[in-house]
Protein backbone atom coordinates (compact mmCIF):
# COMPACT_ATOMS: atom_id res chain seq x y z
CA MET A 1 -32.09 -1.63 -16.38
CA LYS A 2 -30.78 -2.15 -12.71
CA LYS A 3 -32.62 -5.45 -12.52
CA LEU A 4 -30.87 -6.72 -15.48
CA LEU A 5 -27.02 -5.08 -14.03
CA ILE A 6 -27.82 -7.06 -11.10
CA GLY A 7 -28.86 -10.35 -12.50
CA ILE A 8 -25.50 -9.66 -15.06
CA THR A 9 -23.33 -9.20 -11.80
CA ALA A 10 -24.69 -12.24 -10.17
CA LEU A 11 -23.95 -14.13 -13.05
CA LEU A 12 -20.80 -13.39 -13.93
CA LEU A 13 -19.62 -13.93 -10.07
CA SER A 14 -20.99 -17.24 -9.85
CA LEU A 15 -18.71 -18.39 -13.22
CA HIS A 16 -15.80 -16.29 -11.56
CA ALA A 17 -16.26 -17.94 -8.26
CA THR A 18 -14.39 -21.25 -8.99
CA ALA A 19 -11.04 -18.77 -10.03
CA ALA A 20 -11.17 -17.10 -6.24
CA PRO A 21 -11.85 -14.11 -6.79
CA VAL A 22 -11.11 -12.91 -3.41
CA GLN A 23 -7.22 -14.07 -4.61
CA ASP A 24 -6.99 -11.44 -7.82
CA PRO A 25 -4.81 -8.52 -7.40
CA ILE A 26 -6.12 -5.31 -7.64
CA THR A 27 -5.04 -3.44 -10.83
CA SER A 28 -7.71 -0.61 -11.61
CA PRO A 29 -11.02 0.70 -10.45
CA VAL A 30 -12.31 -1.60 -12.63
CA SER A 31 -11.14 -4.72 -10.50
CA LEU A 32 -11.69 -2.61 -6.97
CA ASP A 33 -15.55 -2.23 -8.41
CA PHE A 34 -15.30 -5.89 -8.88
CA TYR A 35 -14.72 -7.00 -5.32
CA TRP A 36 -17.13 -4.41 -3.84
CA GLU A 37 -19.64 -5.96 -6.31
CA THR A 38 -18.53 -9.19 -5.10
CA TYR A 39 -19.31 -8.53 -1.22
CA PHE A 40 -22.81 -6.89 -2.21
CA ALA A 41 -23.70 -9.87 -4.07
CA THR A 42 -22.42 -12.40 -1.67
CA GLY A 43 -21.84 -10.79 1.81
CA ASN A 44 -18.13 -12.36 1.72
CA PRO A 45 -16.08 -10.02 4.27
CA GLU A 46 -13.03 -11.00 2.59
CA ALA A 47 -13.84 -8.73 -0.60
CA VAL A 48 -13.61 -5.88 2.08
CA GLU A 49 -10.61 -7.27 3.44
CA ARG A 50 -8.77 -7.61 -0.03
CA ILE A 51 -9.17 -4.04 -0.82
CA VAL A 52 -7.97 -2.58 2.89
CA ASP A 53 -4.76 -4.91 2.27
CA TYR A 54 -4.45 -3.30 -0.94
CA ILE A 55 -4.48 0.06 0.54
CA ILE A 56 -1.81 -1.43 2.89
CA GLU A 57 0.23 -2.88 0.73
CA ALA A 58 -0.06 0.19 -2.20
CA GLN A 59 0.63 2.56 0.68
CA THR A 60 3.75 0.54 2.12
CA THR A 61 5.44 0.12 -1.38
CA ALA A 62 4.78 3.66 -2.96
CA ALA A 63 8.77 4.16 -3.15
CA HIS A 64 8.86 0.86 -5.55
CA PRO A 65 5.49 0.32 -6.60
CA PRO A 66 4.94 -3.04 -9.02
CA ASP A 67 3.75 -2.28 -12.02
CA TYR A 68 -0.43 -2.77 -10.87
CA ILE A 69 -0.55 -0.45 -8.18
CA ASP A 70 -1.02 3.40 -9.41
CA ASP A 71 -1.85 6.31 -7.41
CA PHE A 72 -5.31 7.21 -8.99
CA THR A 73 -6.56 3.08 -8.16
CA LEU A 74 -5.03 4.06 -4.72
CA THR A 75 -6.94 7.24 -4.51
CA VAL A 76 -10.44 4.85 -5.68
CA ALA A 77 -9.78 2.04 -3.39
CA ILE A 78 -9.28 4.92 -0.02
CA LEU A 79 -12.27 7.17 -0.98
CA SER A 80 -14.86 3.75 -1.86
CA THR A 81 -13.91 2.00 1.10
CA ARG A 82 -14.81 5.34 3.37
CA SER A 83 -17.78 6.01 1.63
CA ASN A 84 -19.05 2.52 1.98
CA MET A 85 -18.03 2.53 5.77
CA GLU A 86 -20.03 5.90 6.50
CA GLN A 87 -23.16 4.30 4.57
CA ASN A 88 -22.78 1.06 5.77
CA THR A 89 -22.55 -0.55 9.70
CA THR A 90 -21.13 -3.92 8.45
CA ILE A 91 -18.92 -2.78 6.01
CA ASP A 92 -17.67 -0.23 9.14
CA SER A 93 -17.49 -3.41 11.45
CA ILE A 94 -15.31 -5.44 8.99
CA VAL A 95 -13.08 -2.42 8.15
CA ARG A 96 -12.53 -1.79 11.93
CA LYS A 97 -11.91 -5.46 12.86
CA HIS A 98 -9.21 -5.84 9.72
CA ILE A 99 -7.23 -3.29 11.37
CA GLN A 100 -7.21 -4.60 14.93
CA LYS A 101 -5.67 -7.96 12.86
CA GLN A 102 -2.43 -5.50 11.28
CA SER A 103 0.86 -5.24 12.85
CA GLU A 104 1.29 -1.34 14.70
CA ALA A 105 2.72 0.24 11.61
CA ASN A 106 -0.49 -1.07 9.27
CA LYS A 107 -2.71 -0.31 12.16
CA LYS A 108 -1.30 3.43 12.29
CA LEU A 109 -1.53 3.51 8.77
CA LEU A 110 -4.81 2.34 8.33
CA GLU A 111 -6.32 4.17 11.01
CA GLN A 112 -5.14 7.65 9.72
CA THR A 113 -5.79 6.51 6.13
CA LEU A 114 -9.46 5.25 6.93
CA LEU A 115 -10.90 6.36 10.33
CA ALA A 116 -9.31 10.17 11.02
CA PRO A 117 -11.66 12.76 9.82
CA GLN A 118 -10.72 13.97 6.62
CA ASP A 119 -10.53 17.84 5.65
CA ASP A 120 -13.25 18.16 2.34
């Protein structure tokens, strides 16, 4: 079953590749999963960077969020990024490098959100 799902995911990714998947907005946990699937299927670091960009956007527009930003999707984005960073050194490196490219305000926000130890 797992091989079938991987095959279907690869097929969907190849069909979707012409639509520049790393440009699609993250609108739900499902679209967030698509970015993780894109990264794991292709190794494209832009997929991980797009998730980090979403975290910035969602946190900095919290007072007046666009329709597609909600607290649940933001929480899932943060938790999945932290979890994947802990489990995968390449993802950890991609995220840390992307954080260093940010403005000082966004860098501080991301360091607090993704790098600081969390209370359980």
